[in-house]
N, C-alpha and C. Protein backbone atom coordinates (compact mmCIF):
# COMPACT_ATOMS: atom_id res chain seq x y z
N ILE A 1 8.75 -4.10 12.18
CA ILE A 1 9.58 -3.25 11.33
C ILE A 1 10.59 -2.54 12.23
N PRO A 2 11.86 -2.62 11.90
CA PRO A 2 12.87 -1.97 12.73
C PRO A 2 12.76 -0.44 12.66
N GLU A 3 13.31 0.22 13.66
CA GLU A 3 13.27 1.68 13.70
C GLU A 3 14.05 2.31 12.54
N ILE A 4 15.13 1.68 12.12
CA ILE A 4 15.93 2.19 11.01
C ILE A 4 16.15 1.06 10.02
N GLY A 5 15.90 1.31 8.76
CA GLY A 5 16.15 0.28 7.76
C GLY A 5 15.00 0.14 6.79
N THR A 6 15.11 -0.90 5.99
CA THR A 6 14.13 -1.19 4.96
C THR A 6 13.70 -2.63 5.08
N ILE A 7 12.41 -2.86 4.94
CA ILE A 7 11.86 -4.22 4.91
C ILE A 7 11.26 -4.41 3.52
N ILE A 8 11.58 -5.53 2.90
CA ILE A 8 11.01 -5.86 1.60
C ILE A 8 10.22 -7.14 1.77
N SER A 9 8.96 -7.09 1.38
CA SER A 9 8.10 -8.26 1.43
C SER A 9 7.70 -8.60 0.00
N GLN A 10 8.02 -9.81 -0.42
CA GLN A 10 7.73 -10.21 -1.79
C GLN A 10 6.64 -11.27 -1.83
N ILE A 11 5.78 -11.16 -2.83
CA ILE A 11 4.71 -12.12 -3.06
C ILE A 11 4.88 -12.62 -4.49
N THR A 12 4.85 -13.94 -4.66
CA THR A 12 4.94 -14.50 -6.00
C THR A 12 3.53 -14.84 -6.49
N ILE A 13 3.18 -14.31 -7.63
CA ILE A 13 1.88 -14.57 -8.26
C ILE A 13 2.14 -15.44 -9.49
N THR A 14 1.46 -16.58 -9.58
CA THR A 14 1.66 -17.47 -10.73
C THR A 14 0.55 -17.32 -11.76
N ASP A 15 -0.54 -16.69 -11.40
CA ASP A 15 -1.67 -16.49 -12.31
C ASP A 15 -1.34 -15.34 -13.25
N ASN A 16 -1.37 -15.58 -14.54
CA ASN A 16 -0.94 -14.56 -15.50
C ASN A 16 -2.10 -13.74 -16.08
N ARG A 17 -3.16 -13.59 -15.33
CA ARG A 17 -4.28 -12.79 -15.83
C ARG A 17 -3.93 -11.30 -15.83
N THR A 18 -4.67 -10.53 -16.58
CA THR A 18 -4.47 -9.09 -16.67
C THR A 18 -5.08 -8.40 -15.46
N ILE A 19 -4.35 -7.47 -14.89
CA ILE A 19 -4.84 -6.69 -13.75
C ILE A 19 -5.88 -5.69 -14.27
N THR A 20 -7.06 -5.68 -13.63
CA THR A 20 -8.10 -4.73 -14.04
C THR A 20 -8.50 -3.79 -12.91
N ASP A 21 -8.36 -4.24 -11.66
CA ASP A 21 -8.70 -3.39 -10.51
C ASP A 21 -7.96 -3.94 -9.30
N LEU A 22 -6.89 -3.30 -8.93
CA LEU A 22 -6.04 -3.77 -7.85
C LEU A 22 -6.34 -3.00 -6.57
N ASN A 23 -6.53 -3.73 -5.48
CA ASN A 23 -6.65 -3.16 -4.14
C ASN A 23 -5.59 -3.82 -3.27
N VAL A 24 -5.09 -3.11 -2.28
CA VAL A 24 -4.02 -3.63 -1.42
C VAL A 24 -4.43 -3.45 0.04
N GLN A 25 -4.29 -4.52 0.84
CA GLN A 25 -4.55 -4.41 2.28
C GLN A 25 -3.22 -4.38 3.01
N VAL A 26 -3.11 -3.47 3.97
CA VAL A 26 -1.87 -3.28 4.73
C VAL A 26 -2.17 -3.48 6.21
N ASP A 27 -1.36 -4.30 6.88
CA ASP A 27 -1.44 -4.51 8.32
C ASP A 27 -0.04 -4.33 8.89
N ILE A 28 0.22 -3.15 9.44
CA ILE A 28 1.56 -2.83 9.96
C ILE A 28 1.44 -2.13 11.31
N SER A 29 2.22 -2.62 12.27
CA SER A 29 2.37 -1.93 13.56
C SER A 29 3.78 -1.39 13.63
N HIS A 30 3.91 -0.18 14.09
CA HIS A 30 5.22 0.46 14.21
C HIS A 30 5.09 1.55 15.25
N SER A 31 6.15 1.86 15.96
CA SER A 31 6.07 2.86 17.02
C SER A 31 5.73 4.25 16.50
N CYS A 32 6.07 4.52 15.24
CA CYS A 32 5.75 5.83 14.66
C CYS A 32 5.54 5.66 13.16
N ILE A 33 4.30 5.39 12.76
CA ILE A 33 4.04 5.09 11.36
C ILE A 33 4.33 6.26 10.43
N SER A 34 4.46 7.46 11.00
CA SER A 34 4.80 8.61 10.15
C SER A 34 6.23 8.51 9.62
N ASP A 35 7.01 7.55 10.11
CA ASP A 35 8.36 7.32 9.59
C ASP A 35 8.34 6.45 8.33
N LEU A 36 7.18 5.87 8.00
CA LEU A 36 7.12 4.86 6.95
C LEU A 36 6.69 5.40 5.59
N THR A 37 7.34 4.88 4.57
CA THR A 37 6.89 5.05 3.19
C THR A 37 6.65 3.63 2.68
N ILE A 38 5.43 3.38 2.21
CA ILE A 38 5.05 2.04 1.76
C ILE A 38 4.83 2.09 0.26
N ARG A 39 5.55 1.21 -0.44
CA ARG A 39 5.51 1.19 -1.91
C ARG A 39 5.10 -0.20 -2.40
N LEU A 40 4.52 -0.22 -3.58
CA LEU A 40 4.21 -1.47 -4.27
C LEU A 40 4.96 -1.43 -5.59
N THR A 41 5.70 -2.50 -5.85
CA THR A 41 6.42 -2.61 -7.13
C THR A 41 5.80 -3.76 -7.92
N SER A 42 5.38 -3.46 -9.13
CA SER A 42 4.73 -4.47 -9.99
C SER A 42 5.79 -5.41 -10.56
N PRO A 43 5.36 -6.54 -11.13
CA PRO A 43 6.31 -7.46 -11.77
C PRO A 43 7.10 -6.81 -12.91
N THR A 44 6.58 -5.74 -13.49
CA THR A 44 7.30 -5.04 -14.56
C THR A 44 8.30 -4.01 -14.03
N GLY A 45 8.31 -3.82 -12.70
CA GLY A 45 9.24 -2.88 -12.08
C GLY A 45 8.67 -1.51 -11.80
N GLN A 46 7.42 -1.27 -12.15
CA GLN A 46 6.79 0.02 -11.88
C GLN A 46 6.47 0.13 -10.39
N THR A 47 6.86 1.24 -9.76
CA THR A 47 6.65 1.43 -8.33
C THR A 47 5.58 2.49 -8.09
N ILE A 48 4.67 2.17 -7.16
CA ILE A 48 3.60 3.09 -6.76
C ILE A 48 3.75 3.37 -5.28
N ILE A 49 3.77 4.64 -4.90
CA ILE A 49 3.78 4.99 -3.48
C ILE A 49 2.36 4.86 -2.96
N LEU A 50 2.17 3.96 -2.00
CA LEU A 50 0.85 3.73 -1.42
C LEU A 50 0.59 4.67 -0.25
N ILE A 51 1.57 4.78 0.63
CA ILE A 51 1.45 5.62 1.83
C ILE A 51 2.80 6.28 2.05
N ASP A 52 2.79 7.59 2.26
CA ASP A 52 4.05 8.31 2.44
C ASP A 52 4.01 9.17 3.70
N ARG A 53 4.56 8.58 4.78
CA ARG A 53 4.74 9.29 6.05
C ARG A 53 3.45 9.88 6.61
N ARG A 54 2.45 9.04 6.77
CA ARG A 54 1.16 9.46 7.34
C ARG A 54 1.05 8.98 8.77
N GLY A 55 0.23 9.64 9.58
CA GLY A 55 -0.02 9.23 10.95
C GLY A 55 0.95 9.83 11.94
N THR A 56 0.84 9.35 13.19
CA THR A 56 1.68 9.83 14.29
C THR A 56 2.06 8.64 15.17
N ALA A 57 2.78 8.91 16.22
CA ALA A 57 3.15 7.86 17.18
C ALA A 57 1.88 7.24 17.75
N GLY A 58 1.90 5.92 17.86
CA GLY A 58 0.75 5.22 18.43
C GLY A 58 -0.30 4.82 17.41
N ASN A 59 -0.23 5.32 16.20
CA ASN A 59 -1.17 4.92 15.15
C ASN A 59 -0.69 3.62 14.52
N SER A 60 -1.56 3.01 13.72
CA SER A 60 -1.17 1.79 13.00
C SER A 60 -1.96 1.69 11.71
N PHE A 61 -1.52 0.80 10.85
CA PHE A 61 -2.26 0.44 9.66
C PHE A 61 -2.79 -0.96 9.92
N GLY A 62 -3.97 -1.05 10.46
CA GLY A 62 -4.58 -2.34 10.78
C GLY A 62 -5.81 -2.55 9.92
N GLY A 63 -5.70 -3.42 8.94
CA GLY A 63 -6.81 -3.64 8.03
C GLY A 63 -7.04 -2.45 7.11
N THR A 64 -5.98 -1.73 6.82
CA THR A 64 -6.07 -0.58 5.93
C THR A 64 -6.14 -1.08 4.49
N ILE A 65 -7.20 -0.71 3.79
CA ILE A 65 -7.38 -1.13 2.41
C ILE A 65 -7.15 0.07 1.50
N LEU A 66 -6.26 -0.09 0.56
CA LEU A 66 -5.96 0.96 -0.41
C LEU A 66 -6.67 0.62 -1.70
N ASP A 67 -7.55 1.54 -2.10
CA ASP A 67 -8.46 1.29 -3.22
C ASP A 67 -8.68 2.61 -3.94
N ASP A 68 -8.42 2.65 -5.23
CA ASP A 68 -8.62 3.88 -6.01
C ASP A 68 -10.05 4.39 -5.92
N SER A 69 -11.01 3.52 -5.62
CA SER A 69 -12.42 3.90 -5.56
C SER A 69 -12.88 4.34 -4.17
N ALA A 70 -11.99 4.33 -3.19
CA ALA A 70 -12.37 4.71 -1.83
C ALA A 70 -12.82 6.16 -1.76
N ALA A 71 -13.69 6.45 -0.82
CA ALA A 71 -14.26 7.79 -0.68
C ALA A 71 -13.23 8.83 -0.24
N GLN A 72 -12.33 8.45 0.65
CA GLN A 72 -11.37 9.45 1.15
C GLN A 72 -9.93 9.03 0.90
N PRO A 73 -9.06 10.01 0.70
CA PRO A 73 -7.63 9.71 0.49
C PRO A 73 -6.95 9.33 1.80
N ILE A 74 -5.84 8.61 1.69
CA ILE A 74 -5.08 8.23 2.87
C ILE A 74 -4.62 9.48 3.64
N SER A 75 -4.45 10.59 2.94
CA SER A 75 -4.03 11.83 3.59
C SER A 75 -5.09 12.37 4.56
N ALA A 76 -6.34 11.93 4.43
CA ALA A 76 -7.42 12.38 5.31
C ALA A 76 -7.63 11.42 6.49
N GLY A 77 -6.91 10.30 6.50
CA GLY A 77 -7.08 9.31 7.56
C GLY A 77 -6.48 9.75 8.88
N VAL A 78 -7.01 9.21 9.97
CA VAL A 78 -6.49 9.46 11.31
C VAL A 78 -6.58 8.18 12.12
N GLY A 79 -5.89 8.16 13.25
CA GLY A 79 -5.99 7.03 14.17
C GLY A 79 -5.42 5.75 13.63
N SER A 80 -6.23 4.70 13.65
CA SER A 80 -5.74 3.38 13.27
C SER A 80 -5.78 3.15 11.76
N TYR A 81 -6.30 4.07 11.01
CA TYR A 81 -6.41 3.94 9.55
C TYR A 81 -7.16 2.68 9.16
N ALA A 82 -8.16 2.31 9.93
CA ALA A 82 -8.99 1.15 9.58
C ALA A 82 -9.98 1.57 8.50
N GLY A 83 -10.18 0.71 7.52
CA GLY A 83 -11.13 1.00 6.45
C GLY A 83 -10.43 1.20 5.13
N SER A 84 -11.14 1.79 4.18
CA SER A 84 -10.64 1.97 2.82
C SER A 84 -10.24 3.41 2.55
N PHE A 85 -9.11 3.56 1.87
CA PHE A 85 -8.58 4.87 1.52
C PHE A 85 -7.97 4.83 0.13
N ARG A 86 -7.98 5.97 -0.55
CA ARG A 86 -7.25 6.07 -1.81
C ARG A 86 -5.76 6.19 -1.48
N PRO A 87 -4.90 5.48 -2.19
CA PRO A 87 -3.46 5.57 -1.93
C PRO A 87 -2.89 6.91 -2.41
N GLU A 88 -1.64 7.18 -2.04
CA GLU A 88 -0.98 8.42 -2.47
C GLU A 88 -0.98 8.55 -4.00
N LYS A 89 -0.66 7.46 -4.67
CA LYS A 89 -0.63 7.41 -6.14
C LYS A 89 -1.58 6.30 -6.59
N ALA A 90 -2.22 6.49 -7.71
CA ALA A 90 -3.25 5.57 -8.18
C ALA A 90 -2.71 4.17 -8.50
N LEU A 91 -3.40 3.17 -7.97
CA LEU A 91 -3.09 1.78 -8.28
C LEU A 91 -3.42 1.45 -9.73
N SER A 92 -4.30 2.20 -10.33
CA SER A 92 -4.69 1.96 -11.73
C SER A 92 -3.52 2.13 -12.69
N ALA A 93 -2.42 2.69 -12.22
CA ALA A 93 -1.24 2.85 -13.06
C ALA A 93 -0.71 1.51 -13.57
N ILE A 94 -1.03 0.42 -12.86
CA ILE A 94 -0.57 -0.89 -13.32
C ILE A 94 -1.69 -1.74 -13.91
N ASN A 95 -2.89 -1.14 -14.03
CA ASN A 95 -3.97 -1.88 -14.72
C ASN A 95 -3.50 -2.17 -16.14
N THR A 96 -3.94 -3.26 -16.65
CA THR A 96 -3.58 -3.83 -17.97
C THR A 96 -2.25 -4.58 -17.96
N ASN A 97 -1.48 -4.51 -16.86
CA ASN A 97 -0.27 -5.33 -16.74
C ASN A 97 -0.68 -6.75 -16.40
N TYR A 98 0.20 -7.70 -16.64
CA TYR A 98 -0.04 -9.07 -16.22
C TYR A 98 0.35 -9.22 -14.76
N ALA A 99 -0.40 -10.04 -14.03
CA ALA A 99 -0.19 -10.21 -12.60
C ALA A 99 0.98 -11.11 -12.27
N ALA A 100 1.34 -12.05 -13.12
CA ALA A 100 2.36 -13.04 -12.80
C ALA A 100 3.72 -12.39 -12.57
N GLY A 101 4.39 -12.85 -11.52
CA GLY A 101 5.74 -12.36 -11.22
C GLY A 101 5.94 -12.26 -9.71
N THR A 102 7.05 -11.63 -9.32
CA THR A 102 7.39 -11.44 -7.92
C THR A 102 7.54 -9.97 -7.62
């Protein structure tokens, strides 16, 4: 990820099943992860802030799992943010949407 700018990563889902419980895994290295805001946009255009400027220089999101059912919020994480955390905003906001789209 560049020091200045925006990166957009798109995933195309062809399965049109209804979302019932969404979890997201994030693997990002950056010189200062506290500069990052990570968002998920659903196929319907709804955007959820997953992580908003957390961590410090030298930290990373390596195997970070964002799950509404996690015991601790991402705001309580430290270090490498390995493990499961609740995202800034609930992923359940897109439950009942169809998964198919980009």
